Amino acid sequence: MLDTLIREVSARLGLGDQARPLIQMLVAYIANPATGGLSGFLDKFRSAGMDGLVQSWLGSATTPQVPSASQLDTVLGAGDGLLNKLATRLGLPYDKVSTAVAALLPMLVSRMTPGGTVPNVLPTEFTDIAREGQSLFGMGQAAAARVGAAATAATASAAAPVAAASGGVGKWLPWLIAALVVILGISYCAKGKPPAEAPAPAAVPAPTAPAPAPAPAPAATPPATDSFTAPEGAGVLEGMQQDMPMLRVFFDSGKTEVAPEFADKAKALVAYLQGNPDAKAVISGFNDPTGDPAKNAELSKHRAEAVQTALVAAGVPIERTALEKPADTTDTGGSNAASRRVDVVLRK
């Protein structure tokens, strides 16, 4: 599964054969016992006044905030910082490394902190990746041994905490694997749905006042009164909302992989953003009403993150995107296929 994910990262972010070592080295840097492990890594951001940013990364209760280029530079880019090391060792442009780390970092931390708390040991699923990354960094046998010791401790100590947590190992493992998909965040295919809500324009103006020509758009979800018809499988539909391009990305049931035609379908939206610096892409994920509500809500978040990553790969700066959780991620209007979607609309 890791090989598949790395191929997707390589394709979406243009990293070539450097996708695997970049991910390995990023995980190794986060989990390095010599610098305090995950807790020490997060403290770097807290010390820079970014506690709110860090808090959004913990667990899966909220949508992780994507760090800006300047925030990454402040914590990881100065002098002999991580970004410079990755760019030098991998032979990649600094800005490409920065973009990739910004996309992966929030989701990696989210998957490493189930329940919203920082564990004492690295989850075992990340152990091999961290060990390989330590070797790539050239930290030597001692560092590798520390990572190995952490893995052993994780295996021994995980039994009690995981068994005590509701759902046990059976619940933890699939959750973390799903998290990794988001972390590497690139193979998301969307299947959306035409919204099934009542027309919004009449509700915006006061009942006694004439309705303004363009009604305000307070929510990321486009009005349901349009002619879009959801495909049965993964796909992408283009459209217009308030004279600006919009996208609906549809997904297969239980999946987060973005359809291959996304880059082509997103050209008009990307071009609009490039010509309108005051506009931002707002991304909202939905799921169908079948299955477990908590898992479905998580799935809709992962889909939104996948589309965000695809937009970044298409040339949209991360800071020009925003993840917005709908009031209800479960969309019961229309068909199940129409509910499995991510909506991308533009706001100024």
Protein backbone atom coordinates (compact mmCIF):
# COMPACT_ATOMS: atom_id res chain seq x y z
CA MET A 1 0.00 0.00 0.00
CA LEU A 2 2.85 2.39 0.78
CA ASP A 3 4.29 1.92 -2.70
CA THR A 4 0.95 2.87 -4.23
CA LEU A 5 0.69 5.96 -2.08
CA ILE A 6 4.23 7.05 -2.88
CA ARG A 7 3.53 6.70 -6.60
CA GLU A 8 0.54 8.98 -6.19
CA VAL A 9 2.59 11.53 -4.24
CA SER A 10 5.22 11.44 -6.95
CA ALA A 11 2.69 12.00 -9.72
CA ARG A 12 0.61 14.69 -8.02
CA LEU A 13 3.47 16.81 -6.66
CA GLY A 14 5.97 16.16 -9.43
CA LEU A 15 8.53 14.62 -7.06
CA GLY A 16 9.60 11.78 -9.31
CA ASP A 17 11.59 9.06 -7.56
CA GLN A 18 12.26 11.43 -4.65
CA ALA A 19 8.76 11.02 -3.19
CA ARG A 20 9.70 7.98 -1.10
CA PRO A 21 12.89 9.39 0.48
CA LEU A 22 11.21 12.74 1.15
CA ILE A 23 8.41 11.06 3.11
CA GLN A 24 10.86 8.79 4.93
CA MET A 25 13.09 11.70 5.94
CA LEU A 26 10.15 13.88 7.00
CA VAL A 27 8.82 11.15 9.31
CA ALA A 28 12.33 10.51 10.66
CA TYR A 29 12.82 14.21 11.42
CA ILE A 30 9.46 14.44 13.20
CA ALA A 31 10.12 11.33 15.28
CA ASN A 32 13.86 11.77 15.97
CA PRO A 33 14.39 10.76 19.65
CA ALA A 34 17.47 13.00 19.85
CA THR A 35 15.31 16.11 19.47
CA GLY A 36 12.41 15.00 21.65
CA GLY A 37 10.47 12.99 19.10
CA LEU A 38 7.04 14.14 17.99
CA SER A 39 6.53 16.24 21.13
CA GLY A 40 9.81 18.08 20.59
CA PHE A 41 9.00 18.65 16.93
CA LEU A 42 5.63 20.23 17.78
CA ASP A 43 7.27 22.40 20.42
CA LYS A 44 9.28 24.07 17.65
CA PHE A 45 6.05 25.46 16.23
CA ARG A 46 4.62 26.32 19.63
CA SER A 47 7.76 28.25 20.51
CA ALA A 48 7.27 30.27 17.32
CA GLY A 49 3.79 31.32 18.48
CA MET A 50 1.90 28.76 16.38
CA ASP A 51 0.12 26.84 19.13
CA GLY A 52 -3.23 27.19 17.36
CA LEU A 53 -1.75 25.69 14.20
CA VAL A 54 -0.33 22.74 16.15
CA GLN A 55 -3.63 22.20 17.96
CA SER A 56 -5.45 21.84 14.66
CA TRP A 57 -3.09 18.99 13.69
CA LEU A 58 -3.74 16.82 16.74
CA GLY A 59 -6.02 13.86 16.18
CA SER A 60 -8.92 13.98 13.77
CA ALA A 61 -11.50 16.09 15.58
CA THR A 62 -10.80 19.15 13.42
CA THR A 63 -9.60 19.84 9.91
CA PRO A 64 -5.82 20.41 10.05
CA GLN A 65 -4.65 23.88 9.05
CA VAL A 66 -2.05 23.94 6.29
CA PRO A 67 1.03 25.99 7.27
CA SER A 68 1.99 28.86 5.01
CA ALA A 69 5.36 29.07 3.31
CA SER A 70 6.46 31.78 5.73
CA GLN A 71 5.46 29.71 8.76
CA LEU A 72 7.47 26.74 7.48
CA ASP A 73 10.44 28.98 6.77
CA THR A 74 10.29 30.36 10.32
CA VAL A 75 10.43 26.92 11.95
CA LEU A 76 12.07 24.59 9.43
CA GLY A 77 13.78 26.73 6.79
CA ALA A 78 16.40 28.91 8.44
CA GLY A 79 20.07 28.05 7.94
CA ASP A 80 20.56 24.32 8.18
CA GLY A 81 16.84 23.66 8.71
CA LEU A 82 14.85 20.66 7.51
CA LEU A 83 13.69 22.24 4.26
CA ASN A 84 17.22 23.08 3.20
CA LYS A 85 18.43 19.62 4.15
CA LEU A 86 15.68 17.93 2.15
CA ALA A 87 16.26 20.15 -0.88
CA THR A 88 20.02 19.54 -0.77
CA ARG A 89 19.94 15.81 -0.14
CA LEU A 90 17.17 15.12 -2.66
CA GLY A 91 18.28 17.59 -5.32
CA LEU A 92 14.87 19.26 -5.42
CA PRO A 93 13.98 22.96 -5.63
CA TYR A 94 13.42 24.53 -2.22
CA ASP A 95 9.91 25.75 -3.11
CA LYS A 96 8.85 22.29 -4.27
CA VAL A 97 10.07 20.75 -1.01
CA SER A 98 8.28 23.46 0.96
CA THR A 99 5.01 22.84 -0.89
CA ALA A 100 5.23 19.08 -0.36
CA VAL A 101 6.05 19.38 3.36
CA ALA A 102 3.23 21.90 3.87
CA ALA A 103 0.75 19.48 2.30
CA LEU A 104 1.98 16.39 4.16
CA LEU A 105 2.93 17.71 7.59
CA PRO A 106 -0.54 18.48 9.08
CA MET A 107 -1.92 15.14 8.00
CA LEU A 108 1.12 13.18 9.19
CA VAL A 109 0.88 14.69 12.66
CA SER A 110 -2.88 14.11 12.69
CA ARG A 111 -2.29 10.40 12.05
CA MET A 112 0.43 10.19 14.67
CA THR A 113 -1.84 11.63 17.38
CA PRO A 114 -5.00 9.52 17.53
CA GLY A 115 -7.46 10.90 20.03
CA GLY A 116 -5.81 14.31 19.90
CA THR A 117 -2.95 13.52 22.30
CA VAL A 118 0.78 13.17 21.63
CA PRO A 119 1.83 9.55 22.33
CA ASN A 120 4.98 8.66 24.24
CA VAL A 121 6.15 6.44 21.40
CA LEU A 122 5.77 6.60 17.65
CA PRO A 123 2.86 4.47 16.35
CA THR A 124 4.29 1.22 15.08
CA GLU A 125 2.97 1.80 11.56
CA PHE A 126 5.47 4.64 11.14
CA THR A 127 8.47 2.85 12.62
CA ASP A 128 9.96 1.38 9.44
CA ILE A 129 9.51 4.66 7.56
CA ALA A 130 11.26 6.56 10.36
CA ARG A 131 14.15 4.09 10.51
CA GLU A 132 14.71 4.31 6.75
CA GLY A 133 14.60 8.09 6.96
CA GLN A 134 17.19 8.11 9.74
CA SER A 135 19.51 6.16 7.47
CA LEU A 136 18.96 8.62 4.61
CA PHE A 137 19.80 11.51 6.92
CA GLY A 138 23.08 9.73 7.73
CA MET A 139 22.43 9.78 11.46
CA GLY A 140 24.33 6.56 11.90
CA GLN A 141 23.85 3.38 13.86
CA ALA A 142 23.11 5.09 17.16
CA ALA A 143 20.16 7.01 15.75
CA ALA A 144 18.85 3.93 14.01
CA ALA A 145 19.14 2.01 17.25
CA ARG A 146 17.13 4.66 19.07
CA VAL A 147 14.41 4.43 16.48
CA GLY A 148 14.47 0.65 16.75
CA ALA A 149 14.19 0.90 20.52
CA ALA A 150 11.25 3.24 20.13
CA ALA A 151 9.59 0.72 17.84
CA THR A 152 10.06 -2.04 20.40
CA ALA A 153 8.66 0.16 23.13
CA ALA A 154 5.74 1.06 20.90
CA THR A 155 4.93 -2.57 20.30
CA ALA A 156 5.03 -3.37 24.00
CA SER A 157 3.23 -0.30 25.26
CA ALA A 158 0.65 -0.10 22.52
CA ALA A 159 -1.15 -3.19 23.78
CA ALA A 160 -2.42 -1.56 26.95
CA PRO A 161 -3.44 1.86 25.57
CA VAL A 162 -4.94 0.48 22.40
CA ALA A 163 -6.77 -2.26 24.20
CA ALA A 164 -8.11 0.27 26.65
CA ALA A 165 -9.27 2.59 23.89
CA SER A 166 -12.71 1.93 22.49
CA GLY A 167 -12.52 -0.25 19.38
CA GLY A 168 -9.08 -1.76 20.21
CA VAL A 169 -6.51 -2.65 17.60
CA GLY A 170 -9.19 -3.51 15.07
CA LYS A 171 -10.32 0.11 15.12
CA TRP A 172 -6.87 1.74 15.40
CA LEU A 173 -5.16 0.05 12.45
CA PRO A 174 -7.67 0.89 9.70
CA TRP A 175 -7.96 4.44 11.07
CA LEU A 176 -4.23 4.96 10.87
CA ILE A 177 -3.96 3.43 7.41
CA ALA A 178 -6.71 5.75 6.21
CA ALA A 179 -4.78 8.58 7.84
CA LEU A 180 -1.66 7.68 5.92
CA VAL A 181 -3.65 7.95 2.71
CA VAL A 182 -4.52 11.51 3.65
CA ILE A 183 -1.02 12.26 4.92
CA LEU A 184 0.47 11.35 1.65
CA GLY A 185 -2.61 13.13 0.48
CA ILE A 186 -2.46 12.80 -3.17
CA SER A 187 -4.49 9.98 -4.62
CA TYR A 188 -7.90 11.34 -3.96
CA CYS A 189 -10.56 10.85 -6.54
CA ALA A 190 -13.78 12.63 -6.08
CA LYS A 191 -17.31 11.83 -6.75
CA GLY A 192 -19.63 14.52 -5.94
CA LYS A 193 -23.18 15.24 -5.90
CA PRO A 194 -25.42 17.97 -7.00
CA PRO A 195 -26.55 19.58 -3.76
CA ALA A 196 -30.09 18.81 -2.76
CA GLU A 197 -30.74 21.83 -0.60
CA ALA A 198 -33.49 24.37 -1.16
CA PRO A 199 -32.54 27.42 -3.26
CA ALA A 200 -30.53 29.82 -1.14
CA PRO A 201 -31.04 33.22 -2.80
CA ALA A 202 -34.51 33.88 -1.32
CA ALA A 203 -33.27 33.17 2.22
CA VAL A 204 -30.40 35.66 2.11
CA PRO A 205 -32.18 39.03 1.77
CA ALA A 206 -34.69 40.26 4.32
CA PRO A 207 -38.27 39.24 3.47
CA THR A 208 -39.36 42.86 2.97
CA ALA A 209 -36.38 44.04 0.95
CA PRO A 210 -35.66 43.40 -2.72
CA ALA A 211 -33.17 40.60 -3.17
CA PRO A 212 -29.74 41.75 -4.37
CA ALA A 213 -28.77 40.47 -7.79
CA PRO A 214 -25.86 38.31 -6.58
CA ALA A 215 -26.89 36.76 -3.25
CA PRO A 216 -24.09 36.48 -0.66
CA ALA A 217 -22.34 33.11 -0.51
CA PRO A 218 -21.67 32.42 3.19
CA ALA A 219 -21.11 28.71 2.78
CA ALA A 220 -18.64 26.72 0.72
CA THR A 221 -21.40 24.43 -0.60
CA PRO A 222 -22.87 25.74 -3.86
CA PRO A 223 -26.63 26.09 -4.18
CA ALA A 224 -28.39 22.83 -4.90
CA THR A 225 -30.49 24.29 -7.70
CA ASP A 226 -28.29 23.50 -10.68
CA SER A 227 -28.20 21.04 -13.53
CA PHE A 228 -25.30 18.86 -12.41
CA THR A 229 -25.88 15.13 -12.53
CA ALA A 230 -23.57 12.99 -10.41
CA PRO A 231 -21.64 10.21 -12.14
CA GLU A 232 -21.87 6.73 -10.69
CA GLY A 233 -18.13 6.52 -10.20
CA ALA A 234 -15.21 8.83 -9.57
CA GLY A 235 -15.29 11.94 -11.69
CA VAL A 236 -15.07 15.72 -11.84
CA LEU A 237 -17.69 18.19 -13.06
CA GLU A 238 -17.09 21.85 -13.90
CA GLY A 239 -19.57 24.63 -13.36
CA MET A 240 -20.08 28.27 -12.50
CA GLN A 241 -21.26 29.89 -9.29
CA GLN A 242 -21.79 33.62 -9.08
CA ASP A 243 -19.83 34.07 -12.29
CA MET A 244 -16.81 32.18 -10.94
CA PRO A 245 -15.66 28.64 -11.84
CA MET A 246 -16.48 25.84 -9.42
CA LEU A 247 -15.81 22.11 -9.25
CA ARG A 248 -17.61 19.07 -7.92
CA VAL A 249 -15.33 16.11 -7.37
CA PHE A 250 -17.06 12.74 -7.00
CA PHE A 251 -15.73 9.62 -5.27
CA ASP A 252 -16.27 5.88 -5.25
CA SER A 253 -17.90 4.53 -2.13
CA GLY A 254 -15.41 4.53 0.76
CA LYS A 255 -12.61 5.95 -1.42
CA THR A 256 -10.57 9.14 -1.37
CA GLU A 257 -8.72 8.92 -4.70
CA VAL A 258 -9.20 11.93 -6.99
CA ALA A 259 -10.21 11.14 -10.57
CA PRO A 260 -7.38 11.42 -13.16
CA GLU A 261 -9.24 14.11 -15.11
CA PHE A 262 -9.05 16.54 -12.20
CA ALA A 263 -6.07 18.50 -13.55
CA ASP A 264 -7.80 19.09 -16.89
CA LYS A 265 -11.18 19.94 -15.37
CA ALA A 266 -9.60 22.34 -12.87
CA LYS A 267 -7.84 24.50 -15.50
CA ALA A 268 -10.53 27.20 -15.58
CA LEU A 269 -10.64 27.45 -11.79
CA VAL A 270 -6.84 27.57 -11.52
CA ALA A 271 -6.65 30.23 -14.24
CA TYR A 272 -9.25 32.33 -12.42
CA LEU A 273 -7.24 32.16 -9.20
CA GLN A 274 -4.09 33.16 -11.05
CA GLY A 275 -5.84 36.21 -12.48
CA ASN A 276 -7.68 37.17 -9.29
CA PRO A 277 -5.28 37.35 -6.32
CA ASP A 278 -8.14 38.27 -3.97
CA ALA A 279 -9.95 34.98 -4.61
CA LYS A 280 -9.53 31.78 -2.61
CA ALA A 281 -10.61 28.18 -3.25
CA VAL A 282 -12.90 26.91 -0.48
CA ILE A 283 -13.07 23.11 -0.24
CA SER A 284 -15.85 21.15 1.52
CA GLY A 285 -16.18 17.36 1.71
CA PHE A 286 -19.34 15.27 1.96
CA ASN A 287 -20.28 11.61 2.34
CA ASP A 288 -23.34 9.49 1.75
CA PRO A 289 -25.60 8.58 4.71
CA THR A 290 -24.76 4.86 4.74
CA GLY A 291 -22.39 3.32 7.32
CA ASP A 292 -20.91 4.65 10.56
CA PRO A 293 -21.44 8.43 10.94
CA ALA A 294 -18.11 9.08 12.68
CA LYS A 295 -16.12 7.20 10.05
CA ASN A 296 -18.11 8.92 7.31
CA ALA A 297 -17.30 12.36 8.73
CA GLU A 298 -13.61 11.41 8.77
CA LEU A 299 -13.90 10.15 5.19
CA SER A 300 -15.41 13.44 4.00
CA LYS A 301 -12.49 15.30 5.62
CA HIS A 302 -9.95 13.06 3.89
CA ARG A 303 -11.66 13.67 0.55
CA ALA A 304 -11.43 17.43 1.05
CA GLU A 305 -7.73 17.12 1.93
CA ALA A 306 -7.17 15.03 -1.20
CA VAL A 307 -8.74 17.69 -3.41
CA GLN A 308 -6.70 20.39 -1.67
CA THR A 309 -3.53 18.44 -2.47
CA ALA A 310 -4.64 18.01 -6.09
CA LEU A 311 -5.19 21.78 -6.37
CA VAL A 312 -1.70 22.43 -5.01
CA ALA A 313 -0.30 20.00 -7.56
CA ALA A 314 -2.20 21.90 -10.28
CA GLY A 315 -0.37 25.10 -9.33
CA VAL A 316 -2.55 26.70 -6.65
CA PRO A 317 -0.52 27.93 -3.63
CA ILE A 318 -1.65 26.23 -0.42
CA GLU A 319 -2.37 29.59 1.20
CA ARG A 320 -4.93 30.26 -1.57
CA THR A 321 -6.97 27.24 -0.44
CA ALA A 322 -9.13 26.69 2.62
CA LEU A 323 -10.76 23.58 4.03
CA GLU A 324 -14.24 24.33 5.33
CA LYS A 325 -16.28 21.72 7.16
CA PRO A 326 -19.98 21.85 6.22
CA ALA A 327 -22.59 22.10 8.98
CA ASP A 328 -23.47 18.50 8.11
CA THR A 329 -20.98 16.42 6.16
CA THR A 330 -23.65 13.77 5.52
CA ASP A 331 -25.65 14.91 2.53
CA THR A 332 -28.88 12.97 2.28
CA GLY A 333 -30.24 14.79 -0.73
CA GLY A 334 -30.23 13.13 -4.13
CA SER A 335 -28.45 9.81 -4.65
CA ASN A 336 -25.66 8.26 -2.62
CA ALA A 337 -23.35 8.79 -5.59
CA ALA A 338 -24.21 12.50 -5.54
CA SER A 339 -23.47 12.69 -1.81
CA ARG A 340 -19.95 11.29 -2.15
CA ARG A 341 -18.35 14.53 -3.26
CA VAL A 342 -16.12 17.50 -2.55
CA ASP A 343 -17.27 20.96 -3.63
CA VAL A 344 -14.70 23.60 -4.59
CA VAL A 345 -16.03 27.16 -4.85
CA LEU A 346 -14.26 30.50 -5.10
CA ARG A 347 -14.67 33.33 -2.64
CA LYS A 348 -13.33 36.86 -2.54
